[in-house]
Amino acid sequence: MVMTNRSLVTADDLSNGEIEALFSLADEMSA
């Protein structure tokens, strides 16, 4: 998993489900 925007979004800002959804979307866009 690529964490390109890790510095912009923290676990404190979003729930785990939202974080996984964002990373899944990012993975699809970069594929």
N, C-alpha and C. Protein backbone atom coordinates (compact mmCIF):
# COMPACT_ATOMS: atom_id res chain seq x y z
N MET A 1 0.84 -1.20 0.00
CA MET A 1 0.00 0.00 0.00
C MET A 1 0.88 1.25 0.00
N VAL A 2 0.57 2.17 -0.87
CA VAL A 2 1.35 3.40 -0.97
C VAL A 2 0.71 4.49 -0.12
N MET A 3 1.50 5.09 0.76
CA MET A 3 0.98 6.13 1.64
C MET A 3 1.45 7.50 1.19
N THR A 4 1.02 7.93 0.02
CA THR A 4 1.53 9.17 -0.56
C THR A 4 1.09 10.40 0.23
N ASN A 5 -0.14 10.39 0.75
CA ASN A 5 -0.66 11.57 1.45
C ASN A 5 -0.74 11.36 2.96
N ARG A 6 0.14 10.52 3.48
CA ARG A 6 0.09 10.21 4.91
C ARG A 6 0.22 11.45 5.78
N SER A 7 1.01 12.43 5.34
CA SER A 7 1.23 13.62 6.15
C SER A 7 0.01 14.53 6.16
N LEU A 8 -0.90 14.34 5.20
CA LEU A 8 -2.07 15.21 5.11
C LEU A 8 -3.26 14.66 5.88
N VAL A 9 -3.32 13.34 6.00
CA VAL A 9 -4.45 12.72 6.70
C VAL A 9 -3.93 11.81 7.80
N THR A 10 -4.41 12.03 9.02
CA THR A 10 -3.95 11.22 10.14
C THR A 10 -5.08 10.35 10.67
N ALA A 11 -4.74 9.32 11.42
CA ALA A 11 -5.74 8.43 11.99
C ALA A 11 -6.64 9.19 12.96
N ASP A 12 -6.17 10.31 13.50
CA ASP A 12 -6.98 11.09 14.43
C ASP A 12 -8.10 11.82 13.71
N ASP A 13 -7.90 12.09 12.42
CA ASP A 13 -8.88 12.85 11.65
C ASP A 13 -10.00 11.97 11.11
N LEU A 14 -9.67 10.73 10.78
CA LEU A 14 -10.65 9.84 10.15
C LEU A 14 -10.73 8.51 10.87
N SER A 15 -11.85 7.85 10.72
CA SER A 15 -11.98 6.51 11.28
C SER A 15 -11.22 5.54 10.39
N ASN A 16 -10.92 4.36 10.90
CA ASN A 16 -10.17 3.37 10.13
C ASN A 16 -10.88 3.04 8.83
N GLY A 17 -12.20 2.94 8.86
CA GLY A 17 -12.96 2.62 7.67
C GLY A 17 -12.80 3.69 6.61
N GLU A 18 -12.83 4.96 7.02
CA GLU A 18 -12.69 6.05 6.06
C GLU A 18 -11.29 6.06 5.47
N ILE A 19 -10.28 5.80 6.31
CA ILE A 19 -8.90 5.76 5.83
C ILE A 19 -8.74 4.66 4.79
N GLU A 20 -9.28 3.48 5.08
CA GLU A 20 -9.16 2.37 4.13
C GLU A 20 -9.87 2.69 2.84
N ALA A 21 -11.02 3.37 2.92
CA ALA A 21 -11.76 3.74 1.72
C ALA A 21 -10.95 4.72 0.87
N LEU A 22 -10.30 5.68 1.53
CA LEU A 22 -9.49 6.66 0.80
C LEU A 22 -8.32 5.99 0.12
N PHE A 23 -7.64 5.09 0.82
CA PHE A 23 -6.48 4.41 0.24
C PHE A 23 -6.91 3.49 -0.89
N SER A 24 -8.08 2.85 -0.75
CA SER A 24 -8.57 1.98 -1.82
C SER A 24 -8.85 2.82 -3.06
N LEU A 25 -9.45 4.00 -2.87
CA LEU A 25 -9.74 4.88 -4.00
C LEU A 25 -8.44 5.36 -4.64
N ALA A 26 -7.47 5.73 -3.82
CA ALA A 26 -6.18 6.20 -4.34
C ALA A 26 -5.49 5.09 -5.12
N ASP A 27 -5.58 3.85 -4.62
CA ASP A 27 -4.96 2.73 -5.32
C ASP A 27 -5.61 2.53 -6.68
N GLU A 28 -6.94 2.68 -6.75
CA GLU A 28 -7.64 2.50 -8.02
C GLU A 28 -7.25 3.60 -9.00
N MET A 29 -7.11 4.83 -8.52
CA MET A 29 -6.78 5.96 -9.39
C MET A 29 -5.36 5.86 -9.91
N SER A 30 -4.46 5.29 -9.12
CA SER A 30 -3.05 5.22 -9.53
C SER A 30 -2.76 3.94 -10.31
N ALA A 31 -3.71 3.03 -10.37
CA ALA A 31 -3.49 1.76 -11.07
C ALA A 31 -3.50 1.96 -12.58
